[in-house]
Protein backbone atom coordinates (compact mmCIF):
# COMPACT_ATOMS: atom_id res chain seq x y z
CA MET A 1 -12.40 -8.18 10.10
CA LYS A 2 -12.84 -9.30 6.54
CA LEU A 3 -15.71 -7.94 4.49
CA ARG A 4 -17.10 -11.45 3.87
CA LEU A 5 -17.23 -12.21 7.57
CA ARG A 6 -18.76 -8.75 8.27
CA LEU A 7 -21.61 -9.38 5.70
CA ALA A 8 -22.32 -12.77 7.23
CA ILE A 9 -22.47 -11.12 10.78
CA ALA A 10 -24.81 -8.50 9.32
CA PHE A 11 -27.13 -11.21 7.78
CA ILE A 12 -27.23 -13.15 11.07
CA THR A 13 -27.87 -9.88 12.98
CA ILE A 14 -30.73 -8.97 10.68
CA ILE A 15 -32.50 -12.24 11.45
CA SER A 16 -31.49 -13.07 14.97
CA LEU A 17 -31.50 -9.60 16.73
CA PRO A 18 -35.05 -8.67 15.92
CA LEU A 19 -36.18 -12.04 16.93
CA ILE A 20 -34.43 -12.07 20.20
CA MET A 21 -35.55 -8.56 20.99
CA ILE A 22 -39.11 -9.20 19.95
CA PHE A 23 -39.21 -12.33 22.04
CA SER A 24 -37.81 -10.48 25.11
CA VAL A 25 -40.13 -7.37 24.70
CA GLY A 26 -43.23 -9.58 23.73
CA THR A 27 -42.59 -11.71 26.92
CA VAL A 28 -42.47 -8.64 29.13
CA ILE A 29 -45.52 -7.07 27.44
CA ILE A 30 -47.65 -10.14 27.65
CA ASN A 31 -46.73 -10.90 31.30
CA ASN A 32 -47.73 -7.50 32.28
CA GLN A 33 -51.03 -7.85 30.50
CA ILE A 34 -51.63 -11.33 32.07
CA ILE A 35 -51.19 -9.64 35.39
CA SER A 36 -53.61 -6.86 34.40
CA ILE A 37 -56.18 -9.59 33.24
CA GLN A 38 -55.93 -11.39 36.58
CA GLN A 39 -56.59 -8.20 38.30
CA THR A 40 -59.26 -6.98 36.07
CA TYR A 41 -61.12 -10.24 35.69
CA ASP A 42 -60.25 -11.90 38.77
CA VAL A 43 -59.21 -15.12 37.06
CA ASP A 44 -56.19 -17.23 37.14
CA SER A 45 -54.50 -17.68 33.70
CA ASN A 46 -51.14 -18.19 32.18
CA THR A 47 -49.60 -16.78 28.97
CA ILE A 48 -50.08 -19.87 26.91
CA GLN A 49 -53.73 -20.20 27.81
CA VAL A 50 -54.42 -16.57 26.91
CA ILE A 51 -52.79 -17.03 23.53
CA THR A 52 -54.04 -20.48 22.60
CA ASN A 53 -57.45 -20.60 24.25
CA PRO A 54 -58.92 -17.24 24.67
CA MET A 55 -62.54 -18.54 24.65
CA GLN A 56 -61.74 -20.59 27.79
CA LEU A 57 -60.70 -17.47 29.49
CA LEU A 58 -63.76 -15.68 28.44
CA ASN A 59 -65.81 -18.53 30.04
CA ARG A 60 -63.91 -17.94 33.33
CA VAL A 61 -64.59 -14.29 33.13
CA THR A 62 -68.35 -14.86 33.71
CA ARG A 63 -68.04 -18.05 35.78
CA GLY A 64 -68.88 -16.57 39.13
CA VAL A 65 -72.13 -14.83 37.92
CA TYR A 66 -73.17 -17.92 35.89
CA ASN A 67 -72.76 -20.26 38.74
CA GLU A 68 -74.86 -17.95 40.90
CA ILE A 69 -77.64 -17.97 38.29
CA LYS A 70 -77.43 -21.79 37.83
CA LEU A 71 -77.71 -22.30 41.54
CA CYS A 72 -80.51 -19.88 41.89
CA ALA A 73 -82.49 -21.43 39.08
CA LEU A 74 -82.28 -24.83 40.89
CA LYS A 75 -83.13 -23.75 44.29
CA GLU A 76 -84.85 -20.35 44.10
CA PRO A 77 -86.03 -19.78 40.57
CA GLN A 78 -88.44 -17.02 41.76
CA LYS A 79 -85.47 -14.85 42.61
CA LEU A 80 -84.75 -14.65 38.78
CA GLU A 81 -88.15 -12.93 38.50
CA ASP A 82 -86.91 -10.08 40.76
CA MET A 83 -85.52 -7.41 38.25
CA ASN A 84 -83.49 -5.74 41.16
CA TYR A 85 -81.65 -8.98 41.54
CA VAL A 86 -81.07 -9.39 37.90
CA LYS A 87 -79.77 -5.86 37.72
CA ARG A 88 -77.40 -6.50 40.45
CA LEU A 89 -76.05 -9.44 38.61
CA ASN A 90 -75.73 -7.48 35.38
CA SER A 91 -73.84 -4.68 37.17
CA GLU A 92 -71.24 -7.29 37.98
CA LEU A 93 -70.76 -8.14 34.36
CA VAL A 94 -70.66 -4.51 32.79
CA GLY A 95 -66.86 -4.25 33.35
CA LYS A 96 -66.29 -7.63 31.76
CA TYR A 97 -67.98 -6.75 28.39
CA SER A 98 -70.96 -8.99 29.21
CA PHE A 99 -74.63 -8.49 30.04
CA ILE A 100 -77.73 -10.46 31.08
CA VAL A 101 -80.85 -11.05 29.09
CA VAL A 102 -84.07 -12.55 30.69
CA ARG A 103 -86.69 -14.03 28.48
CA LYS A 104 -90.11 -15.13 29.34
CA GLY A 105 -91.67 -17.33 26.71
CA ASP A 106 -90.83 -15.29 23.55
CA GLU A 107 -90.94 -11.98 25.33
CA ILE A 108 -87.76 -10.16 26.49
CA GLN A 109 -88.25 -9.28 30.21
CA TYR A 110 -84.81 -7.59 30.79
CA THR A 111 -81.63 -6.83 28.86
CA GLY A 112 -78.46 -5.16 30.02
CA ASP A 113 -77.66 -3.86 26.60
CA ARG A 114 -80.62 -3.37 24.23
CA MET A 115 -78.50 -2.41 21.23
CA LYS A 116 -76.38 -5.48 21.20
CA LEU A 117 -79.45 -7.66 22.02
CA ASN A 118 -81.13 -6.44 18.91
CA ARG A 119 -78.25 -7.60 16.80
CA ILE A 120 -78.35 -11.22 18.05
CA SER A 121 -82.04 -11.71 19.35
CA GLU A 122 -83.03 -13.86 16.42
CA GLU A 123 -80.03 -16.14 17.05
CA LEU A 124 -80.71 -16.80 20.68
CA PRO A 125 -81.51 -20.51 21.39
CA LYS A 126 -84.95 -21.57 22.32
CA PHE A 127 -86.09 -23.01 25.61
CA ALA A 128 -84.37 -26.31 26.13
CA ASP A 129 -82.67 -26.30 22.70
CA TYR A 130 -79.27 -25.93 24.41
CA THR A 131 -78.67 -26.66 28.01
CA ILE A 132 -75.14 -26.24 29.56
CA SER A 133 -74.29 -28.27 32.49
CA THR A 134 -70.71 -27.60 32.62
CA ASP A 135 -68.57 -24.38 32.69
CA GLY A 136 -69.04 -23.74 28.91
CA GLY A 137 -71.14 -21.87 26.40
CA ILE A 138 -72.33 -21.56 22.95
CA TYR A 139 -70.67 -19.42 20.27
CA LEU A 140 -72.78 -17.28 17.99
CA GLY A 141 -70.96 -16.33 14.85
CA GLY A 142 -71.94 -13.92 12.15
CA ALA A 143 -71.35 -10.18 12.05
CA TYR A 144 -71.64 -9.85 15.86
CA PRO A 145 -69.97 -12.77 17.44
CA CYS A 146 -70.62 -13.51 21.13
CA LEU A 147 -70.41 -16.18 23.73
CA VAL A 148 -73.69 -17.10 25.08
CA LYS A 149 -74.40 -19.06 28.34
CA GLN A 150 -78.03 -20.08 28.79
CA GLN A 151 -79.99 -21.33 31.86
CA ASP A 152 -83.62 -22.35 31.62
CA PHE A 153 -86.14 -22.18 34.47
CA TYR A 154 -89.92 -21.81 35.09
CA TYR A 155 -91.65 -18.83 36.37
CA GLN A 156 -94.13 -19.29 39.17
CA ASP A 157 -97.07 -19.24 36.68
CA GLY A 158 -95.54 -22.14 34.90
CA THR A 159 -94.21 -20.05 31.85
CA GLU A 160 -90.96 -21.03 30.33
CA GLY A 161 -88.06 -18.81 31.00
CA SER A 162 -84.48 -18.36 30.11
CA ILE A 163 -81.63 -16.21 31.36
CA PHE A 164 -78.71 -15.65 29.09
CA VAL A 165 -75.15 -14.41 30.04
CA ILE A 166 -73.90 -12.87 26.76
CA THR A 167 -70.17 -11.91 26.37
CA ASP A 168 -69.01 -9.68 23.41
CA VAL A 169 -66.28 -11.70 21.66
CA ASN A 170 -65.18 -8.91 19.55
CA LYS A 171 -63.56 -7.30 22.45
CA LEU A 172 -61.59 -10.42 23.10
CA ILE A 173 -60.39 -8.92 26.18
CA PRO A 174 -58.82 -5.50 25.81
CA GLN A 175 -55.61 -6.43 27.53
CA LEU A 176 -55.05 -9.00 24.58
CA GLU A 177 -55.56 -6.26 22.04
CA SER A 178 -53.32 -3.92 23.94
CA SER A 179 -50.65 -6.64 24.01
CA ILE A 180 -50.98 -7.26 20.21
CA ILE A 181 -50.76 -3.41 19.58
CA GLN A 182 -47.69 -3.06 21.95
CA CYS A 183 -46.00 -6.11 20.28
CA LEU A 184 -46.47 -4.57 16.85
CA VAL A 185 -45.20 -1.30 17.93
CA ALA A 186 -42.30 -3.02 19.70
CA PHE A 187 -41.56 -4.98 16.43
CA ILE A 188 -41.50 -1.88 14.36
CA LEU A 189 -39.16 0.02 16.84
CA ILE A 190 -36.81 -3.14 16.94
CA ILE A 191 -36.59 -3.37 13.17
CA PHE A 192 -36.02 0.42 12.99
CA LEU A 193 -33.37 0.28 15.79
CA THR A 194 -31.77 -2.80 14.15
CA ALA A 195 -31.63 -0.94 10.72
CA ILE A 196 -30.08 2.13 12.40
CA ILE A 197 -27.26 -0.03 14.16
CA LEU A 198 -26.49 -2.02 10.98
CA THR A 199 -26.55 1.17 8.93
CA PHE A 200 -24.11 2.88 11.15
CA TRP A 201 -21.99 -0.11 11.43
CA ILE A 202 -21.78 -0.62 7.55
CA TYR A 203 -21.38 3.07 7.11
CA ARG A 204 -18.47 3.21 9.40
CA SER A 205 -16.74 0.01 7.98
CA VAL A 206 -17.63 0.24 4.39
CA LEU A 207 -19.31 3.28 3.17
CA ARG A 208 -16.96 5.82 4.91
CA PRO A 209 -13.68 4.21 3.44
CA LEU A 210 -15.43 4.22 -0.03
CA ARG A 211 -16.42 7.92 0.61
CA THR A 212 -12.74 8.51 1.45
CA LEU A 213 -11.59 6.90 -1.73
CA GLN A 214 -14.20 8.87 -3.78
CA VAL A 215 -12.81 12.14 -2.36
CA ALA A 216 -9.25 10.86 -3.23
CA THR A 217 -10.34 10.02 -6.58
CA ASN A 218 -11.69 13.49 -7.25
CA LYS A 219 -8.43 15.01 -5.97
CA ILE A 220 -6.40 12.99 -8.38
CA LYS A 221 -8.84 13.80 -11.20
CA CYS A 222 -8.05 17.58 -10.32
CA GLY A 223 -4.40 16.83 -10.39
CA ASN A 224 -3.78 16.90 -6.55
CA LEU A 225 -1.51 14.00 -5.61
CA ASP A 226 -0.21 15.65 -2.18
CA PHE A 227 -2.39 13.56 0.17
CA SER A 228 -2.38 10.13 1.62
CA VAL A 229 -5.19 7.52 2.17
CA LYS A 230 -4.79 5.42 5.32
CA ALA A 231 -6.39 2.10 5.77
CA GLU A 232 -8.50 2.06 9.01
CA LYS A 233 -9.15 -1.65 9.03
CA ASN A 234 -7.35 -4.82 8.09
CA ASP A 235 -9.97 -6.08 5.65
CA GLU A 236 -10.71 -6.09 1.88
CA ILE A 237 -11.68 -2.27 2.06
CA GLY A 238 -8.41 -1.64 3.96
CA ALA A 239 -6.39 -3.65 1.35
CA LEU A 240 -8.21 -1.55 -1.24
CA CYS A 241 -7.23 1.62 0.46
CA GLU A 242 -3.65 0.43 0.68
CA ASP A 243 -3.60 -0.49 -3.11
CA PHE A 244 -5.05 2.94 -3.79
CA GLU A 245 -2.36 4.66 -1.83
CA GLU A 246 0.31 2.65 -3.55
CA MET A 247 -1.30 3.64 -6.90
CA ARG A 248 -1.27 7.33 -5.85
CA ILE A 249 2.44 7.12 -4.88
CA ARG A 250 3.22 5.28 -8.14
CA ILE A 251 1.34 7.98 -10.20
CA LYS A 252 3.00 10.69 -8.33
CA GLU A 253 6.49 8.99 -8.97
CA LEU A 254 5.66 8.68 -12.62
CA ILE A 255 4.59 12.30 -12.97
CA GLU A 256 7.66 13.53 -11.08
CA VAL A 257 9.79 11.20 -13.36
CA ARG A 258 8.14 12.61 -16.48
CA MET A 259 8.47 16.18 -15.29
CA GLN A 260 12.14 15.45 -14.41
CA TYR A 261 12.62 13.97 -17.87
CA GLU A 262 11.01 16.91 -19.52
CA GLN A 263 13.42 19.13 -17.61
CA ASP A 264 16.29 16.87 -18.35
CA THR A 265 15.31 17.15 -22.02
CA LYS A 266 15.17 20.81 -21.85
CA GLU A 267 18.63 20.96 -20.17
CA LEU A 268 19.85 18.45 -22.78
CA ILE A 269 18.87 20.54 -25.63
CA SER A 270 20.33 23.59 -23.86
CA ASN A 271 23.63 21.88 -23.18
CA ILE A 272 23.93 20.33 -26.60
CA SER A 273 23.10 23.72 -28.15
CA HIS A 274 25.73 25.46 -25.96
CA ASP A 275 28.37 22.72 -26.63
CA LEU A 276 27.74 22.78 -30.33
CA LYS A 277 27.54 26.52 -30.56
CA THR A 278 31.04 27.11 -29.20
CA PRO A 279 32.95 25.08 -31.76
CA LEU A 280 30.65 26.16 -34.58
CA THR A 281 31.23 29.77 -33.64
CA ALA A 282 35.09 29.15 -33.69
CA ILE A 283 34.87 27.26 -36.87
CA LYS A 284 32.72 30.09 -38.42
CA GLY A 285 35.15 32.76 -37.12
CA TYR A 286 38.26 30.96 -38.33
CA ALA A 287 36.71 30.33 -41.66
CA GLU A 288 35.67 34.01 -42.06
CA GLY A 289 39.32 34.88 -41.10
CA ILE A 290 40.67 32.82 -44.00
CA MET A 291 38.08 33.99 -46.42
CA ASP A 292 38.55 37.68 -45.36
CA GLY A 293 42.29 37.39 -45.82
CA VAL A 294 43.07 37.88 -42.09
CA ALA A 295 45.32 34.80 -42.37
CA ASP A 296 47.53 36.36 -44.81
CA THR A 297 50.46 33.99 -44.37
CA PRO A 298 50.87 30.33 -44.75
CA GLU A 299 51.55 29.93 -41.01
CA LYS A 300 48.33 31.67 -40.03
CA GLN A 301 46.44 29.69 -42.53
CA GLU A 302 47.73 26.47 -41.13
CA LYS A 303 46.89 27.49 -37.65
CA TYR A 304 43.46 28.52 -38.55
CA LEU A 305 42.85 25.25 -40.45
CA LYS A 306 44.17 23.21 -37.49
CA THR A 307 41.85 25.08 -35.12
CA ILE A 308 38.95 24.41 -37.43
CA TYR A 309 39.93 20.69 -37.58
CA THR A 310 40.25 20.53 -33.80
CA LYS A 311 36.77 22.04 -33.34
CA ALA A 312 35.35 19.68 -35.90
CA VAL A 313 36.93 16.77 -34.03
CA ASP A 314 35.25 18.14 -30.74
CA MET A 315 32.02 18.16 -32.38
CA THR A 316 32.39 14.66 -33.77
CA SER A 317 33.35 13.41 -30.27
CA LEU A 318 30.25 15.07 -28.83
CA VAL A 319 28.04 13.52 -31.42
CA ASP A 320 29.56 10.19 -30.95
CA GLU A 321 29.31 10.33 -27.14
CA LEU A 322 25.68 11.44 -27.41
CA SER A 323 24.84 8.82 -29.92
CA PHE A 324 26.37 6.11 -27.75
CA TYR A 325 24.75 7.37 -24.51
CA SER A 326 21.45 7.40 -26.42
CA LYS A 327 21.84 3.71 -27.31
CA ILE A 328 22.77 2.52 -23.89
CA ASP A 329 20.06 4.72 -22.27
CA CYS A 330 17.51 3.02 -24.59
CA ASN A 331 19.13 -0.43 -23.93
CA THR A 332 19.90 -1.10 -27.58
CA ILE A 333 23.60 -1.90 -26.92
CA PRO A 334 24.20 -5.52 -26.65
CA TYR A 335 26.66 -6.69 -23.97
CA ASN A 336 29.03 -9.62 -24.54
CA PHE A 337 29.66 -10.79 -21.12
CA ALA A 338 32.59 -12.99 -20.25
CA LYS A 339 34.53 -14.46 -17.20
CA ILE A 340 37.63 -12.20 -17.03
CA TYR A 341 40.57 -12.63 -14.81
CA VAL A 342 40.77 -9.31 -12.84
CA ASP A 343 44.50 -9.01 -12.39
CA GLN A 344 45.39 -9.62 -15.93
CA TYR A 345 42.70 -7.42 -17.34
CA PHE A 346 43.58 -4.31 -15.33
CA THR A 347 47.14 -4.88 -15.75
CA ASP A 348 46.75 -4.79 -19.60
CA CYS A 349 44.50 -1.74 -19.29
CA ILE A 350 46.88 0.41 -17.15
CA GLU A 351 49.82 -0.61 -19.38
CA GLU A 352 47.93 0.65 -22.30
CA PHE A 353 46.93 3.92 -20.72
CA SER A 354 50.49 4.50 -19.27
CA LEU A 355 52.07 5.52 -22.47
CA ASP A 356 49.64 8.52 -22.81
CA LEU A 357 49.81 9.33 -19.12
CA GLU A 358 53.67 9.26 -19.17
CA VAL A 359 53.75 12.14 -21.77
CA LYS A 360 51.53 14.16 -19.47
CA ASN A 361 53.80 13.67 -16.49
CA ILE A 362 51.37 11.41 -14.60
CA ASP A 363 52.33 8.46 -12.54
CA VAL A 364 50.03 5.30 -12.42
CA ALA A 365 50.11 2.95 -9.42
CA TYR A 366 48.21 -0.43 -9.55
CA PHE A 367 47.44 -2.32 -6.36
CA ASN A 368 45.78 -5.64 -6.54
CA TYR A 369 44.52 -7.00 -3.13
CA ALA A 370 42.62 -9.96 -4.58
CA ASP A 371 43.90 -13.40 -5.63
CA ASP A 372 45.23 -14.12 -9.09
CA ASN A 373 42.43 -16.38 -9.80
CA VAL A 374 39.69 -14.07 -9.03
CA ARG A 375 37.40 -13.59 -12.08
CA MET A 376 34.55 -11.11 -12.77
CA ILE A 377 31.59 -11.13 -15.08
CA ALA A 378 31.80 -8.22 -17.53
CA ASP A 379 31.95 -7.12 -21.15
CA PRO A 380 35.62 -6.43 -21.80
CA GLU A 381 35.05 -3.55 -24.41
CA GLN A 382 32.44 -1.78 -22.29
CA LEU A 383 34.43 -2.12 -19.05
CA LYS A 384 37.32 -0.70 -20.92
CA ARG A 385 35.28 2.33 -21.85
CA VAL A 386 34.41 2.78 -18.17
CA VAL A 387 37.96 2.76 -17.07
CA ASN A 388 39.03 5.06 -19.93
CA ASN A 389 36.27 7.55 -19.06
CA ILE A 390 37.20 7.59 -15.25
CA ILE A 391 41.00 7.88 -15.92
CA GLY A 392 40.25 10.50 -18.78
CA ASN A 393 38.22 12.58 -16.44
CA SER A 394 41.02 12.37 -13.78
CA VAL A 395 43.69 13.61 -16.42
CA LYS A 396 41.23 16.28 -17.57
CA TYR A 397 40.95 17.88 -14.16
CA MET A 398 44.48 17.28 -13.03
CA ASP A 399 45.91 20.63 -11.72
CA LYS A 400 49.17 19.24 -10.12
CA LYS A 401 52.48 19.59 -11.74
CA LYS A 402 53.01 15.88 -10.98
CA GLY A 403 49.91 13.84 -11.47
CA ILE A 404 49.30 10.66 -9.58
CA ILE A 405 46.60 8.06 -10.36
CA ASN A 406 46.26 4.96 -8.07
CA VAL A 407 44.16 1.96 -9.19
CA ARG A 408 43.16 -0.53 -6.33
CA ILE A 409 41.38 -3.90 -6.66
CA ASN A 410 39.63 -5.22 -3.47
CA ASP A 411 37.77 -8.62 -3.08
CA LEU A 412 34.44 -7.94 -1.30
CA GLY A 413 33.10 -11.54 -1.24
CA ASN A 414 30.58 -11.75 -4.01
CA PHE A 415 31.87 -8.51 -5.66
CA VAL A 416 35.16 -6.93 -6.81
CA ARG A 417 35.50 -3.25 -5.94
CA ILE A 418 37.83 -1.17 -8.13
CA GLU A 419 39.02 2.24 -6.97
CA VAL A 420 40.41 5.02 -9.21
CA GLU A 421 42.06 7.67 -7.11
CA ASP A 422 43.85 10.84 -8.29
CA ASN A 423 45.43 14.02 -6.82
CA GLY A 424 43.57 16.39 -8.96
CA GLN A 425 41.70 19.54 -8.10
CA GLY A 426 38.86 17.59 -6.36
CA ILE A 427 35.09 18.19 -6.48
CA ALA A 428 33.09 20.42 -4.10
CA GLU A 429 31.02 18.42 -1.63
CA LYS A 430 27.72 19.79 -3.11
CA ASP A 431 28.68 18.49 -6.59
CA VAL A 432 29.89 15.06 -5.81
CA SER A 433 26.47 13.41 -6.07
CA SER A 434 25.71 15.13 -9.45
CA ILE A 435 28.98 14.15 -11.37
CA PHE A 436 27.26 11.07 -12.77
CA ASP A 437 24.47 13.03 -14.38
CA ARG A 438 24.56 13.55 -18.04
CA PHE A 439 26.12 16.81 -19.28
CA TYR A 440 27.03 17.85 -15.74
CA ARG A 441 29.97 19.93 -15.34
CA THR A 442 31.26 21.48 -12.13
CA ASP A 443 32.08 24.76 -13.97
CA VAL A 444 28.71 26.51 -14.43
CA SER A 445 30.10 28.41 -17.45
CA ARG A 446 30.60 24.97 -19.19
CA ASN A 447 34.07 26.16 -20.44
CA SER A 448 35.19 23.88 -23.16
CA SER A 449 38.90 24.63 -22.80
CA LYS A 450 39.46 21.29 -20.99
CA GLY A 451 37.43 19.36 -23.56
CA GLY A 452 34.98 16.71 -22.88
CA THR A 453 31.30 16.35 -23.43
CA GLY A 454 29.96 15.81 -19.86
CA LEU A 455 28.76 12.32 -20.73
CA GLY A 456 31.65 10.24 -19.84
CA LEU A 457 30.84 9.52 -16.14
CA ALA A 458 27.09 9.17 -17.05
CA ILE A 459 27.98 6.49 -19.58
CA ALA A 460 30.36 4.74 -17.11
CA LYS A 461 27.42 4.69 -14.57
CA LYS A 462 24.97 3.26 -17.02
CA ILE A 463 27.46 0.49 -18.04
CA ILE A 464 28.17 -0.44 -14.51
CA GLU A 465 24.59 -0.55 -13.51
CA ASP A 466 23.86 -2.69 -16.60
CA HIS A 467 26.56 -5.00 -15.19
CA GLY A 468 24.63 -5.35 -11.88
CA GLY A 469 27.17 -3.27 -10.05
CA THR A 470 27.23 0.22 -8.35
CA ILE A 471 29.35 3.25 -8.93
CA TRP A 472 29.97 6.26 -6.63
CA ALA A 473 32.56 8.79 -5.83
CA GLY A 474 34.31 10.48 -2.90
CA SER A 475 36.30 13.73 -3.25
CA LYS A 476 37.99 16.38 -1.20
CA GLU A 477 38.39 19.78 -2.77
CA PHE A 478 41.96 20.56 -3.76
CA VAL A 479 43.12 17.22 -2.67
CA GLY A 480 41.78 14.60 -5.03
CA THR A 481 38.89 12.41 -6.09
CA THR A 482 38.29 8.69 -5.94
CA VAL A 483 35.73 6.87 -8.02
CA TYR A 484 34.59 3.45 -6.84
CA PHE A 485 32.67 0.75 -8.68
CA THR A 486 31.76 -2.86 -8.07
CA LEU A 487 31.46 -5.86 -10.32
CA LYS A 488 30.07 -9.26 -9.81
CA LYS A 489 32.55 -12.09 -9.24
CA VAL A 490 32.23 -15.40 -11.02
CA GLU A 491 30.15 -17.93 -9.17
CA GLU A 492 30.00 -21.32 -10.98
CA ASP A 493 26.92 -22.44 -9.12
CA VAL A 494 24.87 -19.54 -10.43
CA GLU A 495 22.73 -20.65 -13.46
CA GLY A 496 23.95 -19.30 -16.75
CA VAL A 497 27.56 -18.56 -15.61
CA GLN A 498 28.99 -21.81 -16.97
CA ASP A 499 27.93 -20.82 -20.40
CA LEU A 500 29.89 -17.56 -20.47
CA PRO A 501 33.16 -17.57 -22.38
CA GLU A 502 36.39 -17.01 -20.53
CA VAL A 503 38.81 -14.35 -21.34
CA GLY A 504 42.58 -14.14 -20.58
CA ASP A 505 44.79 -16.27 -18.35
CA ASN A 506 46.02 -15.44 -14.88
CA LEU A 507 49.43 -17.08 -15.52
CA LYS A 508 50.05 -14.38 -18.13
CA SER A 509 49.65 -11.51 -15.71
CA LYS A 510 52.41 -8.91 -16.01
CA SER A 511 52.08 -7.38 -12.63
CA ARG A 512 55.14 -7.57 -10.45
CA ARG A 513 54.95 -8.82 -6.82
CA VAL A 514 56.06 -6.76 -3.88
CA GLY A 515 55.45 -9.55 -1.39
CA GLU A 516 53.41 -12.75 -1.49
CA GLY A 517 49.84 -13.70 -1.12
CA LYS A 518 46.96 -11.25 -2.11
CA TYR A 519 49.11 -8.08 -2.55
CA ARG A 520 50.35 -7.20 -5.86
CA PHE A 521 52.02 -4.07 -7.08
CA PHE A 522 52.37 -2.67 -10.63
CA PHE A 523 53.96 0.77 -11.23
CA LEU A 524 54.73 2.58 -14.40
CA PRO A 525 57.11 5.53 -13.85
CA ALA A 526 56.74 8.72 -15.52
CA ARG A 527 59.52 10.67 -17.24
CA ASP A 528 60.59 14.21 -16.52
CA LYS A 529 61.03 16.76 -19.18
CA SER A 530 64.55 15.71 -19.90
CA GLY A 531 63.34 12.16 -20.59
CA THR A 532 64.99 10.62 -17.59
CA THR A 533 63.18 7.67 -16.02
CA LYS A 534 62.08 8.25 -12.50
CA ASN A 535 62.32 4.79 -10.86
CA GLU A 536 62.71 6.27 -7.35
CA GLY A 537 58.87 6.62 -7.42
CA GLU A 538 58.68 2.97 -8.00
CA LYS A 539 61.06 2.31 -5.02
CA SER A 540 59.28 4.78 -2.82
CA LEU A 541 55.88 3.15 -3.54
CA GLU A 542 57.30 -0.32 -2.78
CA GLU A 543 58.64 0.97 0.46
CA LYS A 544 55.28 2.54 1.36
CA HIS A 545 53.13 -0.47 0.30
CA GLY A 546 55.45 -3.39 0.40
CA ASN A 547 55.25 -3.90 4.22
CA SER A 548 51.53 -2.80 4.52
CA LYS A 549 48.77 -5.14 5.78
CA PRO A 550 46.31 -5.88 3.09
CA GLU A 551 42.71 -6.72 4.07
CA GLY A 552 42.47 -9.99 5.85
CA GLY A 553 46.11 -10.81 5.49
CA LYS A 554 49.30 -10.76 7.28
CA THR A 555 52.20 -8.20 7.00
CA GLU A 556 53.73 -8.81 3.62
CA LYS A 557 57.53 -9.13 3.14
CA LYS A 558 58.93 -6.67 0.72
CA GLU A 559 60.51 -8.13 -2.52
CA ASN A 560 63.30 -5.97 -3.96
CA VAL A 561 62.79 -4.73 -7.47
CA PRO A 562 65.88 -4.01 -9.59
CA PRO A 563 66.24 -0.28 -10.24
CA LYS A 564 66.19 0.94 -13.77
CA GLY A 565 67.95 4.21 -13.33
CA LYS A 566 69.18 6.75 -11.05
CA ASN A 567 67.71 6.52 -7.64
CA LYS A 568 66.63 9.36 -5.53
CA LYS A 569 65.73 9.65 -1.82
CA ALA A 570 62.92 7.52 -0.49
CA ASP A 571 60.96 10.36 1.07
CA ASN A 572 59.54 11.31 -2.33
CA ILE A 573 56.08 9.85 -1.32
CA ASN A 574 52.80 11.76 -1.45
CA GLU A 575 49.70 11.47 0.80
CA ILE A 576 47.80 8.97 -1.42
CA GLY A 577 50.48 6.51 -2.07
CA GLY A 578 51.96 7.79 -5.23
CA VAL A 579 55.06 9.95 -6.00
CA LYS A 580 55.52 13.62 -5.46
CA GLU A 581 57.58 15.84 -7.47
């Protein structure tokens, strides 16, 4: 229930509930008192009459006695001279807050209440000043109001006489007074009960959640964020509780991020210090060796100088990598996005890397399962850095005598997935999720013998994420590692894509076909130590993949590729689709 509706209900309840309850309780009280009046005064009356015309009811209270007096004055006036008879009539009026007064001339012969008579004796009407012939009376106001009924008669000696029936109006029937008191008490109780109900309702629906928020605020002020605020109602207060909970979670996340950032900063400083200390120590040691004459021959001096130069190059590389990572982490590196033909781009990349890999006895296989006209959105220069970092990392941790790197391209609808697979030493399962962290190395000692800064894959991850793609890895220890990343395909109907420049031409692709359709194959053979070209690897890879079924396609017919040298047996195939020694 919304707070606005709740307040409206509370307002209506404050007005209507007391009225309804007062009317109900008042009706019950007055009906009971009317019954009591009927029983006490032996008169018939209704609720409206009692409330609107109480004087008429007072007239009826003394009607019986007054009628008897009136009849007696007309037929037997001498009986009114009998004080015993008068006393009997007065006794009938005592319980009705009335009394009789008998006057002879100007002298009072009898009174049922001397004290009250003394208060109004001067105001009593004279003989024949007021005569009532109906069931009525005269109202005497002043300090002691009363209702007077007068009947004149003559004594036997001819003296004028009057008999009065006087009713005390101040009493106004005790049952009516009791009814008023009971109604007032009921009204107070009803207001009090209504206030308790509304207070409890408002406390439960408004004040209690606010109290919960107050407690939560104090906890946050004290630095405690390990709690939760649950919304009990689906209203404005509940929405406030939900927003407060989201704020608490956000604050906790920001604090955790800040703490993690501070921890990362400490680790960053520690790692930089370690990575700089190692080459600096080596430079210092070799420089001291030259200064102290340890390098006493030209050969030793040249060796020492080359080592110093190598360490200086390592330091320069570390500083450059760190500077570049700092720029892309702060989003200060501009990207020049373009529409790039996937097949041509990766064909050129692999051909460029192949010369260096050939010297290191590493074979490269390239498989394109996408169409030639598939294009992706990327910055050519930064994407090349990503491929270089991934392949460079594979080369760095290659522990096999014959290294193999497979590059695969897959079309995933709106994205292109690139896979870079190697048969290196692999990564332990516990370390796979951390290899994209900056300065992370699987060797705890951070041995620099293999080179590297620990920033290559972190830079690759940031660049791919800035391209709107994702990057991840899978690895099996002692078997090899595969790095996957995705890039967006060109969709002409997307706003802004038409304005991007286009790079390359799919007609100039240098990849060689091993079938038709989506399957492409490109292989650069490595050379053995004697310099002999090993084309049997190309043949074996063609035999392994030429008749395979690419994703979503039919079995491809193998296309023969002319051999370039001496052939070997076709069983020279490893587990991941490359060549084994």
